Amino acid sequence: MKHFAIKLICLFIIFCQLTEAFAAAALMVPAGTLVRLNLEENLSTRSSKTGEMVRFTVVEEIKIGRRTIVKKGATARAQLEKVRRPGNFGRNGSLKLRYLTVTAANGKELPITLGEKSVKTNEQMGLAAGASLGGYMLLGPIGLIGGTFVKGKHIDIPKDTQLIVEIAKDSAF
């Protein structure tokens, strides 16, 4: 009877470990999962350069069920893909970011993007959408020659600006 109880306890422990291992292996972070970020530095068309890395931190932890996938304060990275200074004809400057990754609670890097879902959420919440909708000024009677003297504006995005991005593709956790 004693041996049977020991075997039963051993089987129970093995079963619990296997169940936990399968649950961990099967956990996927779905594409479109929203991640709220905080910009950790000032960005400006005056001083920022194409190719520079930009650091963000996660504002709110992300959970799937009871498991924390991304911790509050985790690091997210982006790269300045294009910095365009203001130009003639009232063309404003622009900053184009390519969002790269956010660090998950287990140390893995999850791919992030500014997708359709996150753009809509940013607009609804009044947050920076990560991209400026710069247009051309209608010059009216000034004409094209006069437009060469109309200078566009610089873009400045202050530290602590928040925005929402999303997980770019289904990712194993």
N, C-alpha and C. Protein backbone atom coordinates (compact mmCIF):
# COMPACT_ATOMS: atom_id res chain seq x y z
N MET A 1 0.82 -1.19 0.00
CA MET A 1 0.00 0.00 0.00
C MET A 1 0.87 1.26 0.00
N LYS A 2 1.97 1.19 0.75
CA LYS A 2 2.88 2.33 0.84
C LYS A 2 3.49 2.63 -0.53
N HIS A 3 3.92 1.60 -1.25
CA HIS A 3 4.52 1.78 -2.57
C HIS A 3 3.50 2.34 -3.58
N PHE A 4 2.28 1.87 -3.45
CA PHE A 4 1.23 2.35 -4.34
C PHE A 4 1.00 3.85 -4.12
N ALA A 5 0.99 4.31 -2.88
CA ALA A 5 0.80 5.73 -2.57
C ALA A 5 1.95 6.57 -3.09
N ILE A 6 3.17 6.07 -2.96
CA ILE A 6 4.35 6.80 -3.47
C ILE A 6 4.28 6.90 -4.99
N LYS A 7 3.91 5.80 -5.66
CA LYS A 7 3.80 5.81 -7.12
C LYS A 7 2.71 6.80 -7.55
N LEU A 8 1.62 6.80 -6.83
CA LEU A 8 0.52 7.70 -7.16
C LEU A 8 0.95 9.17 -7.01
N ILE A 9 1.67 9.48 -5.95
CA ILE A 9 2.17 10.85 -5.74
C ILE A 9 3.15 11.23 -6.84
N CYS A 10 4.05 10.32 -7.20
CA CYS A 10 5.02 10.58 -8.28
C CYS A 10 4.30 10.83 -9.60
N LEU A 11 3.31 10.01 -9.92
CA LEU A 11 2.54 10.21 -11.15
C LEU A 11 1.82 11.56 -11.14
N PHE A 12 1.28 11.93 -10.00
CA PHE A 12 0.59 13.21 -9.89
C PHE A 12 1.56 14.38 -10.13
N ILE A 13 2.75 14.30 -9.54
CA ILE A 13 3.76 15.36 -9.73
C ILE A 13 4.18 15.44 -11.19
N ILE A 14 4.43 14.31 -11.82
CA ILE A 14 4.81 14.29 -13.24
C ILE A 14 3.69 14.87 -14.09
N PHE A 15 2.45 14.48 -13.80
CA PHE A 15 1.30 14.99 -14.54
C PHE A 15 1.21 16.52 -14.42
N CYS A 16 1.39 17.04 -13.22
CA CYS A 16 1.34 18.49 -13.00
C CYS A 16 2.44 19.21 -13.77
N GLN A 17 3.64 18.66 -13.77
CA GLN A 17 4.75 19.27 -14.48
C GLN A 17 4.52 19.24 -15.99
N LEU A 18 4.02 18.13 -16.51
CA LEU A 18 3.73 18.03 -17.94
C LEU A 18 2.62 18.99 -18.34
N THR A 19 1.59 19.07 -17.53
CA THR A 19 0.49 19.99 -17.82
C THR A 19 0.99 21.43 -17.87
N GLU A 20 1.82 21.80 -16.92
CA GLU A 20 2.39 23.15 -16.88
C GLU A 20 3.28 23.40 -18.09
N ALA A 21 4.08 22.40 -18.47
CA ALA A 21 4.98 22.54 -19.62
C ALA A 21 4.18 22.69 -20.90
N PHE A 22 3.11 21.89 -21.05
CA PHE A 22 2.28 22.00 -22.26
C PHE A 22 1.57 23.34 -22.30
N ALA A 23 1.09 23.81 -21.18
CA ALA A 23 0.40 25.10 -21.13
C ALA A 23 1.35 26.22 -21.51
N ALA A 24 2.59 26.16 -21.02
CA ALA A 24 3.57 27.20 -21.34
C ALA A 24 3.94 27.16 -22.81
N ALA A 25 4.10 25.96 -23.36
CA ALA A 25 4.49 25.82 -24.76
C ALA A 25 3.38 26.26 -25.70
N ALA A 26 2.14 26.08 -25.28
CA ALA A 26 1.01 26.37 -26.16
C ALA A 26 0.58 27.83 -26.12
N LEU A 27 1.14 28.64 -25.26
CA LEU A 27 0.70 30.02 -25.12
C LEU A 27 1.19 30.87 -26.28
N MET A 28 0.26 31.48 -26.98
CA MET A 28 0.57 32.35 -28.10
C MET A 28 0.06 33.76 -27.78
N VAL A 29 0.85 34.75 -28.13
CA VAL A 29 0.43 36.14 -28.01
C VAL A 29 -0.15 36.50 -29.37
N PRO A 30 -1.45 36.76 -29.45
CA PRO A 30 -2.06 36.98 -30.76
C PRO A 30 -1.67 38.33 -31.39
N ALA A 31 -1.55 38.30 -32.71
CA ALA A 31 -1.34 39.55 -33.46
C ALA A 31 -2.49 40.49 -33.14
N GLY A 32 -2.20 41.77 -33.04
CA GLY A 32 -3.23 42.76 -32.74
C GLY A 32 -3.38 43.07 -31.26
N THR A 33 -2.65 42.33 -30.40
CA THR A 33 -2.68 42.64 -28.97
C THR A 33 -2.12 44.04 -28.78
N LEU A 34 -2.87 44.92 -28.14
CA LEU A 34 -2.45 46.32 -28.00
C LEU A 34 -1.44 46.49 -26.87
N VAL A 35 -0.46 47.38 -27.11
CA VAL A 35 0.60 47.68 -26.14
C VAL A 35 0.70 49.20 -26.04
N ARG A 36 0.50 49.72 -24.83
CA ARG A 36 0.59 51.18 -24.62
C ARG A 36 2.02 51.53 -24.23
N LEU A 37 2.62 52.48 -25.00
CA LEU A 37 4.02 52.85 -24.81
C LEU A 37 4.18 54.30 -24.40
N ASN A 38 5.30 54.60 -23.74
CA ASN A 38 5.68 55.94 -23.34
C ASN A 38 7.04 56.25 -23.96
N LEU A 39 7.14 57.35 -24.70
CA LEU A 39 8.39 57.76 -25.33
C LEU A 39 9.38 58.21 -24.25
N GLU A 40 10.60 57.71 -24.30
CA GLU A 40 11.59 57.98 -23.26
C GLU A 40 12.59 59.09 -23.63
N GLU A 41 12.40 59.75 -24.76
CA GLU A 41 13.31 60.82 -25.18
C GLU A 41 12.57 61.78 -26.10
N ASN A 42 13.08 62.98 -26.25
CA ASN A 42 12.50 63.94 -27.17
C ASN A 42 12.90 63.57 -28.60
N LEU A 43 11.97 63.74 -29.53
CA LEU A 43 12.26 63.55 -30.95
C LEU A 43 11.95 64.87 -31.65
N SER A 44 12.79 65.22 -32.61
CA SER A 44 12.59 66.47 -33.32
C SER A 44 13.25 66.41 -34.69
N THR A 45 12.61 67.06 -35.65
CA THR A 45 13.24 67.16 -36.98
C THR A 45 14.45 68.09 -36.92
N ARG A 46 14.61 68.82 -35.84
CA ARG A 46 15.78 69.69 -35.68
C ARG A 46 17.04 68.89 -35.36
N SER A 47 16.91 67.82 -34.55
CA SER A 47 18.10 67.14 -34.04
C SER A 47 18.15 65.63 -34.30
N SER A 48 17.03 65.01 -34.52
CA SER A 48 17.00 63.55 -34.72
C SER A 48 17.56 63.20 -36.09
N LYS A 49 18.16 62.02 -36.18
CA LYS A 49 18.79 61.57 -37.43
C LYS A 49 18.19 60.23 -37.87
N THR A 50 18.07 60.07 -39.17
CA THR A 50 17.62 58.81 -39.74
C THR A 50 18.54 57.68 -39.25
N GLY A 51 17.94 56.57 -38.85
CA GLY A 51 18.71 55.42 -38.39
C GLY A 51 18.86 55.33 -36.88
N GLU A 52 18.61 56.42 -36.16
CA GLU A 52 18.73 56.40 -34.70
C GLU A 52 17.70 55.47 -34.09
N MET A 53 18.11 54.82 -32.99
CA MET A 53 17.18 53.97 -32.24
C MET A 53 16.41 54.84 -31.24
N VAL A 54 15.15 54.51 -31.04
CA VAL A 54 14.27 55.25 -30.14
C VAL A 54 13.75 54.27 -29.09
N ARG A 55 13.78 54.69 -27.84
CA ARG A 55 13.38 53.81 -26.73
C ARG A 55 12.04 54.25 -26.15
N PHE A 56 11.21 53.25 -25.91
CA PHE A 56 9.92 53.42 -25.26
C PHE A 56 9.86 52.49 -24.05
N THR A 57 8.96 52.77 -23.12
CA THR A 57 8.67 51.82 -22.04
C THR A 57 7.17 51.51 -22.07
N VAL A 58 6.85 50.32 -21.59
CA VAL A 58 5.46 49.87 -21.55
C VAL A 58 4.77 50.51 -20.35
N VAL A 59 3.58 51.07 -20.59
CA VAL A 59 2.83 51.79 -19.55
C VAL A 59 1.99 50.84 -18.70
N GLU A 60 1.37 49.83 -19.32
CA GLU A 60 0.49 48.91 -18.60
C GLU A 60 0.89 47.48 -18.92
N GLU A 61 0.93 46.62 -17.90
CA GLU A 61 1.28 45.23 -18.16
C GLU A 61 0.22 44.57 -19.01
N ILE A 62 0.65 43.56 -19.77
CA ILE A 62 -0.25 42.82 -20.64
C ILE A 62 -0.34 41.40 -20.11
N LYS A 63 -1.55 40.93 -19.95
CA LYS A 63 -1.78 39.57 -19.43
C LYS A 63 -2.62 38.79 -20.42
N ILE A 64 -2.36 37.50 -20.47
CA ILE A 64 -3.25 36.57 -21.15
C ILE A 64 -3.65 35.58 -20.07
N GLY A 65 -4.92 35.60 -19.74
CA GLY A 65 -5.38 34.81 -18.60
C GLY A 65 -4.74 35.38 -17.34
N ARG A 66 -4.08 34.51 -16.58
CA ARG A 66 -3.40 34.95 -15.36
C ARG A 66 -1.92 35.20 -15.58
N ARG A 67 -1.42 34.93 -16.78
CA ARG A 67 0.01 35.05 -17.04
C ARG A 67 0.38 36.44 -17.56
N THR A 68 1.39 37.03 -16.97
CA THR A 68 1.90 38.31 -17.43
C THR A 68 2.78 38.06 -18.64
N ILE A 69 2.42 38.67 -19.75
CA ILE A 69 3.16 38.51 -21.00
C ILE A 69 4.21 39.60 -21.13
N VAL A 70 3.80 40.85 -20.87
CA VAL A 70 4.72 41.99 -20.93
C VAL A 70 4.54 42.77 -19.63
N LYS A 71 5.64 43.01 -18.94
CA LYS A 71 5.59 43.73 -17.66
C LYS A 71 5.54 45.25 -17.88
N LYS A 72 4.90 45.93 -16.95
CA LYS A 72 4.93 47.39 -16.93
C LYS A 72 6.39 47.81 -16.80
N GLY A 73 6.82 48.80 -17.61
CA GLY A 73 8.20 49.27 -17.56
C GLY A 73 9.13 48.54 -18.51
N ALA A 74 8.62 47.50 -19.18
CA ALA A 74 9.46 46.78 -20.15
C ALA A 74 9.87 47.72 -21.28
N THR A 75 10.96 47.39 -21.95
CA THR A 75 11.49 48.22 -23.01
C THR A 75 10.91 47.84 -24.37
N ALA A 76 10.61 48.85 -25.16
CA ALA A 76 10.22 48.67 -26.56
C ALA A 76 11.17 49.52 -27.39
N ARG A 77 11.46 49.05 -28.61
CA ARG A 77 12.41 49.77 -29.47
C ARG A 77 11.77 50.09 -30.82
N ALA A 78 12.20 51.21 -31.35
CA ALA A 78 11.82 51.62 -32.70
C ALA A 78 13.05 52.25 -33.33
N GLN A 79 12.99 52.44 -34.64
CA GLN A 79 14.10 53.08 -35.34
C GLN A 79 13.54 54.20 -36.21
N LEU A 80 14.24 55.34 -36.21
CA LEU A 80 13.84 56.43 -37.07
C LEU A 80 14.18 56.03 -38.51
N GLU A 81 13.15 55.76 -39.27
CA GLU A 81 13.33 55.29 -40.64
C GLU A 81 13.60 56.46 -41.59
N LYS A 82 12.96 57.60 -41.29
CA LYS A 82 13.16 58.77 -42.15
C LYS A 82 12.90 60.04 -41.35
N VAL A 83 13.84 60.96 -41.42
CA VAL A 83 13.68 62.28 -40.82
C VAL A 83 13.75 63.29 -41.97
N ARG A 84 12.66 64.03 -42.15
CA ARG A 84 12.63 65.02 -43.22
C ARG A 84 12.45 66.40 -42.59
N ARG A 85 13.38 67.27 -42.86
CA ARG A 85 13.33 68.64 -42.34
C ARG A 85 12.26 69.43 -43.11
N PRO A 86 11.77 70.52 -42.53
CA PRO A 86 10.78 71.32 -43.25
C PRO A 86 11.38 71.89 -44.54
N GLY A 87 10.49 72.11 -45.49
CA GLY A 87 10.97 72.61 -46.78
C GLY A 87 10.15 73.79 -47.27
N ASN A 88 10.43 74.16 -48.49
CA ASN A 88 9.71 75.26 -49.12
C ASN A 88 8.27 74.83 -49.45
N PHE A 89 7.48 75.78 -49.86
CA PHE A 89 6.07 75.58 -50.20
C PHE A 89 5.27 75.11 -48.98
N GLY A 90 5.74 75.45 -47.79
CA GLY A 90 5.01 75.12 -46.57
C GLY A 90 5.05 73.65 -46.19
N ARG A 91 5.96 72.89 -46.77
CA ARG A 91 6.05 71.45 -46.46
C ARG A 91 6.64 71.28 -45.06
N ASN A 92 5.84 70.72 -44.15
CA ASN A 92 6.29 70.49 -42.79
C ASN A 92 7.30 69.34 -42.74
N GLY A 93 8.10 69.35 -41.69
CA GLY A 93 9.01 68.24 -41.47
C GLY A 93 8.22 67.00 -41.08
N SER A 94 8.90 65.84 -41.08
CA SER A 94 8.22 64.61 -40.67
C SER A 94 9.23 63.64 -40.05
N LEU A 95 8.72 62.81 -39.18
CA LEU A 95 9.49 61.75 -38.54
C LEU A 95 8.75 60.45 -38.82
N LYS A 96 9.43 59.49 -39.41
CA LYS A 96 8.80 58.19 -39.67
C LYS A 96 9.52 57.14 -38.85
N LEU A 97 8.76 56.48 -37.98
CA LEU A 97 9.32 55.44 -37.10
C LEU A 97 8.97 54.06 -37.64
N ARG A 98 9.91 53.15 -37.50
CA ARG A 98 9.65 51.73 -37.76
C ARG A 98 9.72 51.05 -36.39
N TYR A 99 8.58 50.55 -35.93
CA TYR A 99 8.52 49.90 -34.62
C TYR A 99 9.11 48.51 -34.75
N LEU A 100 9.93 48.13 -33.79
CA LEU A 100 10.66 46.87 -33.88
C LEU A 100 10.14 45.82 -32.92
N THR A 101 10.47 45.96 -31.63
CA THR A 101 10.11 44.92 -30.67
C THR A 101 9.77 45.49 -29.29
N VAL A 102 9.09 44.65 -28.51
CA VAL A 102 8.88 44.90 -27.10
C VAL A 102 9.38 43.65 -26.37
N THR A 103 10.01 43.86 -25.22
CA THR A 103 10.57 42.74 -24.46
C THR A 103 9.50 42.11 -23.59
N ALA A 104 9.27 40.82 -23.80
CA ALA A 104 8.27 40.07 -23.04
C ALA A 104 8.81 39.73 -21.66
N ALA A 105 7.92 39.29 -20.77
CA ALA A 105 8.30 38.94 -19.40
C ALA A 105 9.31 37.80 -19.35
N ASN A 106 9.31 36.93 -20.36
CA ASN A 106 10.25 35.81 -20.39
C ASN A 106 11.55 36.16 -21.12
N GLY A 107 11.71 37.43 -21.52
CA GLY A 107 12.94 37.87 -22.18
C GLY A 107 12.88 37.82 -23.69
N LYS A 108 11.86 37.20 -24.27
CA LYS A 108 11.74 37.15 -25.73
C LYS A 108 11.38 38.53 -26.27
N GLU A 109 11.78 38.77 -27.51
CA GLU A 109 11.43 40.02 -28.20
C GLU A 109 10.21 39.76 -29.07
N LEU A 110 9.12 40.47 -28.81
CA LEU A 110 7.89 40.33 -29.59
C LEU A 110 7.83 41.45 -30.63
N PRO A 111 7.54 41.15 -31.89
CA PRO A 111 7.49 42.19 -32.92
C PRO A 111 6.27 43.09 -32.74
N ILE A 112 6.47 44.40 -32.90
CA ILE A 112 5.36 45.36 -32.78
C ILE A 112 5.26 46.20 -34.04
N THR A 113 4.09 46.78 -34.24
CA THR A 113 3.86 47.63 -35.40
C THR A 113 2.78 48.65 -35.06
N LEU A 114 2.67 49.66 -35.88
CA LEU A 114 1.57 50.61 -35.78
C LEU A 114 0.58 50.17 -36.85
N GLY A 115 -0.34 49.28 -36.46
CA GLY A 115 -1.29 48.70 -37.40
C GLY A 115 -2.63 49.41 -37.37
N GLU A 116 -3.55 48.88 -38.15
CA GLU A 116 -4.87 49.48 -38.28
C GLU A 116 -5.60 49.58 -36.95
N LYS A 117 -5.54 48.52 -36.16
CA LYS A 117 -6.22 48.50 -34.86
C LYS A 117 -5.64 49.54 -33.90
N SER A 118 -4.31 49.63 -33.85
CA SER A 118 -3.68 50.58 -32.93
C SER A 118 -3.87 52.03 -33.40
N VAL A 119 -3.88 52.27 -34.71
CA VAL A 119 -4.13 53.63 -35.22
C VAL A 119 -5.52 54.09 -34.80
N LYS A 120 -6.52 53.20 -34.97
CA LYS A 120 -7.90 53.55 -34.57
C LYS A 120 -7.99 53.83 -33.08
N THR A 121 -7.31 52.99 -32.28
CA THR A 121 -7.34 53.18 -30.82
C THR A 121 -6.67 54.49 -30.44
N ASN A 122 -5.54 54.82 -31.06
CA ASN A 122 -4.86 56.09 -30.80
C ASN A 122 -5.78 57.27 -31.11
N GLU A 123 -6.47 57.20 -32.23
CA GLU A 123 -7.37 58.29 -32.62
C GLU A 123 -8.52 58.42 -31.62
N GLN A 124 -9.10 57.29 -31.20
CA GLN A 124 -10.21 57.32 -30.26
C GLN A 124 -9.79 57.87 -28.90
N MET A 125 -8.55 57.59 -28.49
CA MET A 125 -8.07 58.02 -27.18
C MET A 125 -7.37 59.37 -27.23
N GLY A 126 -7.21 59.93 -28.42
CA GLY A 126 -6.55 61.23 -28.55
C GLY A 126 -5.06 61.16 -28.30
N LEU A 127 -4.45 59.99 -28.54
CA LEU A 127 -3.00 59.85 -28.35
C LEU A 127 -2.28 60.11 -29.66
N ALA A 128 -0.96 60.32 -29.57
CA ALA A 128 -0.15 60.50 -30.77
C ALA A 128 -0.23 59.22 -31.58
N ALA A 129 -0.44 59.33 -32.86
CA ALA A 129 -0.57 58.15 -33.70
C ALA A 129 0.77 57.71 -34.26
N GLY A 130 1.85 58.42 -33.94
CA GLY A 130 3.16 58.01 -34.41
C GLY A 130 3.47 58.48 -35.81
N ALA A 131 2.53 59.11 -36.46
CA ALA A 131 2.77 59.62 -37.80
C ALA A 131 2.00 60.92 -37.94
N SER A 132 2.61 61.88 -38.60
CA SER A 132 1.98 63.18 -38.78
C SER A 132 1.31 63.22 -40.14
N LEU A 133 0.10 63.73 -40.18
CA LEU A 133 -0.57 63.90 -41.46
C LEU A 133 -0.23 65.29 -41.98
N GLY A 134 0.93 65.40 -42.58
CA GLY A 134 1.38 66.68 -43.12
C GLY A 134 0.78 66.89 -44.50
N GLY A 135 0.29 68.06 -44.75
CA GLY A 135 -0.26 68.37 -46.06
C GLY A 135 0.46 69.54 -46.67
N TYR A 136 0.13 69.85 -47.90
CA TYR A 136 0.71 71.01 -48.56
C TYR A 136 -0.25 72.17 -48.41
N MET A 137 0.31 73.33 -48.16
CA MET A 137 -0.52 74.51 -48.02
C MET A 137 -1.00 74.94 -49.40
N LEU A 138 -2.24 75.39 -49.45
CA LEU A 138 -2.73 75.96 -50.70
C LEU A 138 -2.27 77.40 -50.72
N LEU A 139 -1.50 77.72 -51.74
CA LEU A 139 -0.82 79.02 -51.73
C LEU A 139 -1.67 80.17 -52.28
N GLY A 140 -2.76 79.86 -52.94
CA GLY A 140 -3.65 80.91 -53.43
C GLY A 140 -2.94 81.92 -54.31
N PRO A 141 -3.16 83.19 -54.05
CA PRO A 141 -2.62 84.22 -54.93
C PRO A 141 -1.10 84.37 -54.85
N ILE A 142 -0.45 83.77 -53.85
CA ILE A 142 1.00 83.88 -53.76
C ILE A 142 1.64 83.24 -54.99
N GLY A 143 1.07 82.12 -55.44
CA GLY A 143 1.59 81.44 -56.62
C GLY A 143 2.80 80.59 -56.29
N LEU A 144 3.31 79.89 -57.26
CA LEU A 144 4.43 78.96 -57.08
C LEU A 144 5.73 79.67 -56.72
N ILE A 145 6.00 80.81 -57.33
CA ILE A 145 7.26 81.50 -57.04
C ILE A 145 7.27 82.00 -55.61
N GLY A 146 6.18 82.58 -55.16
CA GLY A 146 6.10 83.05 -53.78
C GLY A 146 6.15 81.91 -52.79
N GLY A 147 5.71 80.71 -53.21
CA GLY A 147 5.69 79.55 -52.34
C GLY A 147 7.08 79.10 -51.93
N THR A 148 8.07 79.44 -52.72
CA THR A 148 9.42 79.03 -52.36
C THR A 148 9.89 79.73 -51.10
N PHE A 149 9.23 80.81 -50.70
CA PHE A 149 9.61 81.56 -49.50
C PHE A 149 8.77 81.17 -48.29
N VAL A 150 7.78 80.29 -48.48
CA VAL A 150 6.94 79.84 -47.38
C VAL A 150 7.57 78.57 -46.82
N LYS A 151 8.12 78.67 -45.62
CA LYS A 151 8.85 77.57 -44.99
C LYS A 151 7.90 76.76 -44.10
N GLY A 152 8.02 75.44 -44.17
CA GLY A 152 7.23 74.55 -43.32
C GLY A 152 7.72 74.59 -41.87
N LYS A 153 7.07 73.80 -41.02
CA LYS A 153 7.39 73.79 -39.59
C LYS A 153 8.12 72.50 -39.20
N HIS A 154 8.93 72.61 -38.14
CA HIS A 154 9.58 71.45 -37.56
C HIS A 154 8.55 70.63 -36.79
N ILE A 155 8.83 69.36 -36.64
CA ILE A 155 8.00 68.46 -35.83
C ILE A 155 8.77 68.16 -34.55
N ASP A 156 8.13 68.37 -33.41
CA ASP A 156 8.72 68.07 -32.10
C ASP A 156 7.78 67.13 -31.36
N ILE A 157 8.30 65.99 -30.93
CA ILE A 157 7.52 65.05 -30.14
C ILE A 157 8.21 64.95 -28.78
N PRO A 158 7.58 65.47 -27.72
CA PRO A 158 8.24 65.52 -26.41
C PRO A 158 8.31 64.15 -25.72
N LYS A 159 9.31 64.03 -24.87
CA LYS A 159 9.44 62.86 -23.99
C LYS A 159 8.12 62.68 -23.24
N ASP A 160 7.79 61.46 -22.92
CA ASP A 160 6.57 61.08 -22.20
C ASP A 160 5.31 61.14 -23.05
N THR A 161 5.46 61.30 -24.36
CA THR A 161 4.31 61.17 -25.25
C THR A 161 3.92 59.70 -25.27
N GLN A 162 2.62 59.42 -25.17
CA GLN A 162 2.17 58.03 -25.17
C GLN A 162 1.48 57.69 -26.48
N LEU A 163 1.60 56.43 -26.87
CA LEU A 163 0.91 55.93 -28.03
C LEU A 163 0.70 54.43 -27.86
N ILE A 164 -0.15 53.90 -28.69
CA ILE A 164 -0.46 52.47 -28.64
C ILE A 164 -0.01 51.83 -29.94
N VAL A 165 0.72 50.72 -29.80
CA VAL A 165 1.11 49.90 -30.94
C VAL A 165 0.48 48.52 -30.72
N GLU A 166 0.74 47.61 -31.63
CA GLU A 166 0.19 46.28 -31.48
C GLU A 166 1.21 45.22 -31.82
N ILE A 167 0.99 44.02 -31.30
CA ILE A 167 1.85 42.90 -31.63
C ILE A 167 1.65 42.62 -33.12
N ALA A 168 2.75 42.54 -33.86
CA ALA A 168 2.70 42.47 -35.32
C ALA A 168 2.23 41.12 -35.85
N LYS A 169 2.60 40.03 -35.17
CA LYS A 169 2.20 38.70 -35.65
C LYS A 169 2.07 37.77 -34.44
N ASP A 170 1.31 36.69 -34.65
CA ASP A 170 1.17 35.71 -33.58
C ASP A 170 2.56 35.29 -33.15
N SER A 171 2.82 35.32 -31.84
CA SER A 171 4.16 35.05 -31.32
C SER A 171 4.07 34.08 -30.15
N ALA A 172 4.93 33.08 -30.17
CA ALA A 172 4.99 32.13 -29.06
C ALA A 172 5.60 32.82 -27.85
N PHE A 173 5.03 32.51 -26.69
CA PHE A 173 5.55 33.08 -25.44
C PHE A 173 6.18 31.98 -24.64
